[in-house]
Amino acid sequence: MSKPQAPKSSSNFQPGSSAPAGTQVHSPNQFSNFEAGMKLFHTRQFKEARELFLQATRGPERDVANRAALHLAMCDRRLQQITVSLGSAEDYYNYGVALINSRNLAEARAHLEKALEMAPAADHIHYALALAQALSGDLANAQQNLKRAIELEPRNRLIARQDADFAPLANQPPFDALIYPEKKSW
């Protein structure tokens, strides 16, 4: 016959813990490490957050340790350097457009400029570079590249008219004359 166990006190027992009755389970350091790690994680400081999550995995609270382990793995994935292998002008162009869409304009411009070096007569690269320059406030260079894109392929004028990203510039000189040349004669 087994000996009846004393009821576990709510002050000594946390749900989900495997700590024996009578031992203090609450670990302020584990909780504070996890919370501090979450703050760093949300500010994209993954290396610092990773260290705090690692410490939080070693505490007695299984639930906190499990969540810390999940966040530790997320930090590891985000810290891995993903190298992009770009070889052609089209590769640089496609990657540049993706960077424009994520509004990483400085890096987008660099990739599009590289694409333009490789294919200086590609109208779509001039167009994308003009867009990246316009969005980053470099209106003079944006106007020059858009002008070149239209010279190479006149259909780019219509595309620019319908492009929501160019809409704020459409009525500003010198874009208005470039996008709507027919307005000059009115």
Protein backbone atom coordinates (compact mmCIF):
# COMPACT_ATOMS: atom_id res chain seq x y z
CA MET A 1 0.00 0.00 0.00
CA SER A 2 1.42 3.36 -0.97
CA LYS A 3 1.76 6.23 1.39
CA PRO A 4 -0.70 9.10 0.65
CA GLN A 5 1.03 12.20 -0.64
CA ALA A 6 0.53 15.58 0.92
CA PRO A 7 -1.34 18.00 -1.32
CA LYS A 8 0.92 20.32 -3.26
CA SER A 9 0.76 23.92 -2.18
CA SER A 10 -0.05 26.40 -4.93
CA SER A 11 2.86 28.55 -3.77
CA ASN A 12 5.28 25.68 -4.38
CA PHE A 13 3.86 24.17 -7.54
CA GLN A 14 3.61 25.58 -11.04
CA PRO A 15 1.45 23.79 -13.61
CA GLY A 16 3.49 21.82 -16.08
CA SER A 17 6.53 21.61 -13.83
CA SER A 18 8.09 18.36 -12.78
CA ALA A 19 9.58 19.72 -9.59
CA PRO A 20 8.94 17.64 -6.50
CA ALA A 21 6.52 18.93 -3.89
CA GLY A 22 8.05 21.33 -1.43
CA THR A 23 10.59 22.84 -3.85
CA GLN A 24 10.37 26.37 -5.15
CA VAL A 25 9.87 26.27 -8.92
CA HIS A 26 9.61 29.96 -9.78
CA SER A 27 12.84 31.18 -11.32
CA PRO A 28 12.94 34.95 -11.67
CA ASN A 29 16.15 34.76 -13.70
CA GLN A 30 14.62 32.36 -16.21
CA PHE A 31 11.58 34.59 -16.68
CA SER A 32 13.61 37.79 -16.86
CA ASN A 33 16.05 36.23 -19.35
CA PHE A 34 13.17 35.12 -21.54
CA GLU A 35 11.43 38.52 -21.36
CA ALA A 36 14.66 40.40 -22.08
CA GLY A 37 15.34 38.01 -24.96
CA MET A 38 11.89 38.71 -26.39
CA LYS A 39 12.51 42.45 -26.31
CA LEU A 40 15.79 42.01 -28.16
CA PHE A 41 14.18 39.56 -30.57
CA HIS A 42 11.50 42.07 -31.51
CA THR A 43 14.16 44.71 -32.17
CA ARG A 44 15.98 42.20 -34.42
CA GLN A 45 19.00 41.94 -32.14
CA PHE A 46 19.15 38.21 -32.65
CA LYS A 47 22.67 37.53 -31.39
CA GLU A 48 21.99 39.14 -28.00
CA ALA A 49 18.52 37.60 -27.78
CA ARG A 50 19.97 34.17 -28.57
CA GLU A 51 22.20 34.27 -25.49
CA LEU A 52 19.29 35.16 -23.21
CA PHE A 53 17.09 32.45 -24.69
CA LEU A 54 19.90 29.96 -24.20
CA GLN A 55 20.05 30.87 -20.51
CA ALA A 56 16.26 30.66 -20.23
CA THR A 57 16.27 27.09 -21.59
CA ARG A 58 18.26 25.99 -18.54
CA GLY A 59 15.71 27.06 -15.93
CA PRO A 60 13.26 24.84 -14.05
CA GLU A 61 10.10 26.10 -15.81
CA ARG A 62 9.51 23.68 -18.67
CA ASP A 63 7.03 25.92 -20.46
CA VAL A 64 9.44 28.87 -20.43
CA ALA A 65 12.34 26.61 -21.39
CA ASN A 66 10.37 25.21 -24.34
CA ARG A 67 9.39 28.67 -25.58
CA ALA A 68 12.98 29.84 -25.13
CA ALA A 69 14.23 26.86 -27.14
CA LEU A 70 11.83 27.72 -29.98
CA HIS A 71 13.00 31.32 -30.00
CA LEU A 72 16.61 30.18 -29.80
CA ALA A 73 16.08 28.18 -32.98
CA MET A 74 14.44 31.18 -34.67
CA CYS A 75 17.44 33.34 -33.73
CA ASP A 76 19.80 30.73 -35.15
CA ARG A 77 17.91 30.67 -38.44
CA ARG A 78 17.93 34.44 -38.70
CA LEU A 79 21.62 34.66 -37.86
CA GLN A 80 22.61 32.26 -40.62
CA GLN A 81 24.12 34.23 -43.46
CA ILE A 82 22.18 33.50 -46.59
CA THR A 83 24.40 34.16 -49.54
CA VAL A 84 22.66 35.08 -52.72
CA SER A 85 24.39 33.84 -55.83
CA LEU A 86 23.87 36.42 -58.55
CA GLY A 87 25.59 35.95 -61.87
CA SER A 88 23.61 37.66 -64.61
CA ALA A 89 22.08 41.08 -65.12
CA GLU A 90 18.65 39.44 -64.80
CA ASP A 91 19.64 37.93 -61.44
CA TYR A 92 20.69 41.34 -60.15
CA TYR A 93 17.56 42.92 -61.60
CA ASN A 94 15.20 40.36 -60.03
CA TYR A 95 16.91 40.63 -56.66
CA GLY A 96 16.86 44.43 -56.91
CA VAL A 97 13.11 44.42 -57.59
CA ALA A 98 12.55 42.14 -54.60
CA LEU A 99 14.54 44.59 -52.47
CA ILE A 100 12.45 47.51 -53.76
CA ASN A 101 9.31 45.63 -52.76
CA SER A 102 10.67 45.17 -49.25
CA ARG A 103 11.73 48.84 -49.30
CA ASN A 104 15.41 48.07 -48.85
CA LEU A 105 16.16 50.85 -51.31
CA ALA A 106 19.90 51.36 -50.79
CA GLU A 107 20.67 47.71 -51.41
CA ALA A 108 18.18 47.60 -54.29
CA ARG A 109 19.93 50.48 -55.98
CA ALA A 110 23.32 48.80 -55.62
CA HIS A 111 22.05 45.58 -57.23
CA LEU A 112 20.25 47.41 -60.02
CA GLU A 113 23.34 49.51 -60.75
CA LYS A 114 25.33 46.28 -61.02
CA ALA A 115 22.69 44.89 -63.39
CA LEU A 116 22.88 48.05 -65.47
CA GLU A 117 26.66 47.73 -65.73
CA MET A 118 26.13 44.25 -67.16
CA ALA A 119 23.27 45.22 -69.49
CA PRO A 120 23.35 48.99 -70.14
CA ALA A 121 20.65 48.83 -72.84
CA ALA A 122 18.05 46.99 -70.75
CA ASP A 123 15.03 49.30 -70.47
CA HIS A 124 13.47 47.35 -67.58
CA ILE A 125 16.62 47.77 -65.49
CA HIS A 126 16.66 51.53 -66.13
CA TYR A 127 13.00 51.64 -65.14
CA ALA A 128 13.53 49.70 -61.90
CA LEU A 129 16.57 51.78 -60.99
CA ALA A 130 14.57 54.97 -61.65
CA LEU A 131 11.90 53.68 -59.29
CA ALA A 132 14.41 52.83 -56.55
CA GLN A 133 16.04 56.23 -56.94
CA ALA A 134 12.71 58.06 -56.87
CA LEU A 135 11.55 56.21 -53.76
CA SER A 136 14.81 57.07 -52.00
CA GLY A 137 14.55 60.76 -52.93
CA ASP A 138 17.18 60.91 -55.69
CA LEU A 139 14.86 62.59 -58.18
CA ALA A 140 17.52 63.85 -60.61
CA ASN A 141 18.97 60.39 -61.24
CA ALA A 142 15.50 58.84 -61.20
CA GLN A 143 14.40 61.21 -63.96
CA GLN A 144 17.48 60.38 -66.05
CA ASN A 145 16.96 56.62 -65.74
CA LEU A 146 13.23 56.85 -66.43
CA LYS A 147 13.98 59.00 -69.48
CA ARG A 148 16.44 56.36 -70.72
CA ALA A 149 13.93 53.55 -70.05
CA ILE A 150 11.33 55.41 -72.14
CA GLU A 151 13.85 56.07 -74.93
CA LEU A 152 14.69 52.37 -75.07
CA GLU A 153 11.07 51.25 -74.83
CA PRO A 154 8.34 53.90 -75.25
CA ARG A 155 5.79 51.64 -73.58
CA ASN A 156 7.56 52.41 -70.25
CA ARG A 157 5.83 55.82 -70.31
CA LEU A 158 2.44 54.13 -69.99
CA ILE A 159 3.77 51.75 -67.35
CA ALA A 160 5.07 54.72 -65.32
CA ARG A 161 1.68 56.44 -65.61
CA GLN A 162 0.01 53.41 -64.07
CA ASP A 163 2.70 52.66 -61.48
CA ALA A 164 1.46 53.55 -57.99
CA ASP A 165 5.04 54.11 -56.85
CA PHE A 166 5.53 56.84 -59.45
CA ALA A 167 2.11 58.44 -58.78
CA PRO A 168 3.39 60.99 -56.23
CA LEU A 169 5.95 62.21 -58.78
CA ALA A 170 3.74 62.26 -61.86
CA ASN A 171 2.76 65.93 -61.46
CA GLN A 172 6.17 67.18 -60.36
CA PRO A 173 8.68 68.63 -62.80
CA PRO A 174 10.55 67.12 -64.58
CA PHE A 175 8.56 63.89 -64.24
CA ASP A 176 5.32 65.45 -65.47
CA ALA A 177 6.87 66.37 -68.84
CA LEU A 178 8.46 62.94 -69.09
CA ILE A 179 5.39 60.91 -68.18
CA TYR A 180 2.78 63.21 -69.76
CA PRO A 181 4.51 64.98 -72.67
CA GLU A 182 1.17 65.72 -74.31
CA LYS A 183 0.28 68.12 -71.48
CA LYS A 184 2.94 70.57 -72.71
CA SER A 185 0.94 71.28 -75.83
CA TRP A 186 -2.31 72.08 -74.01
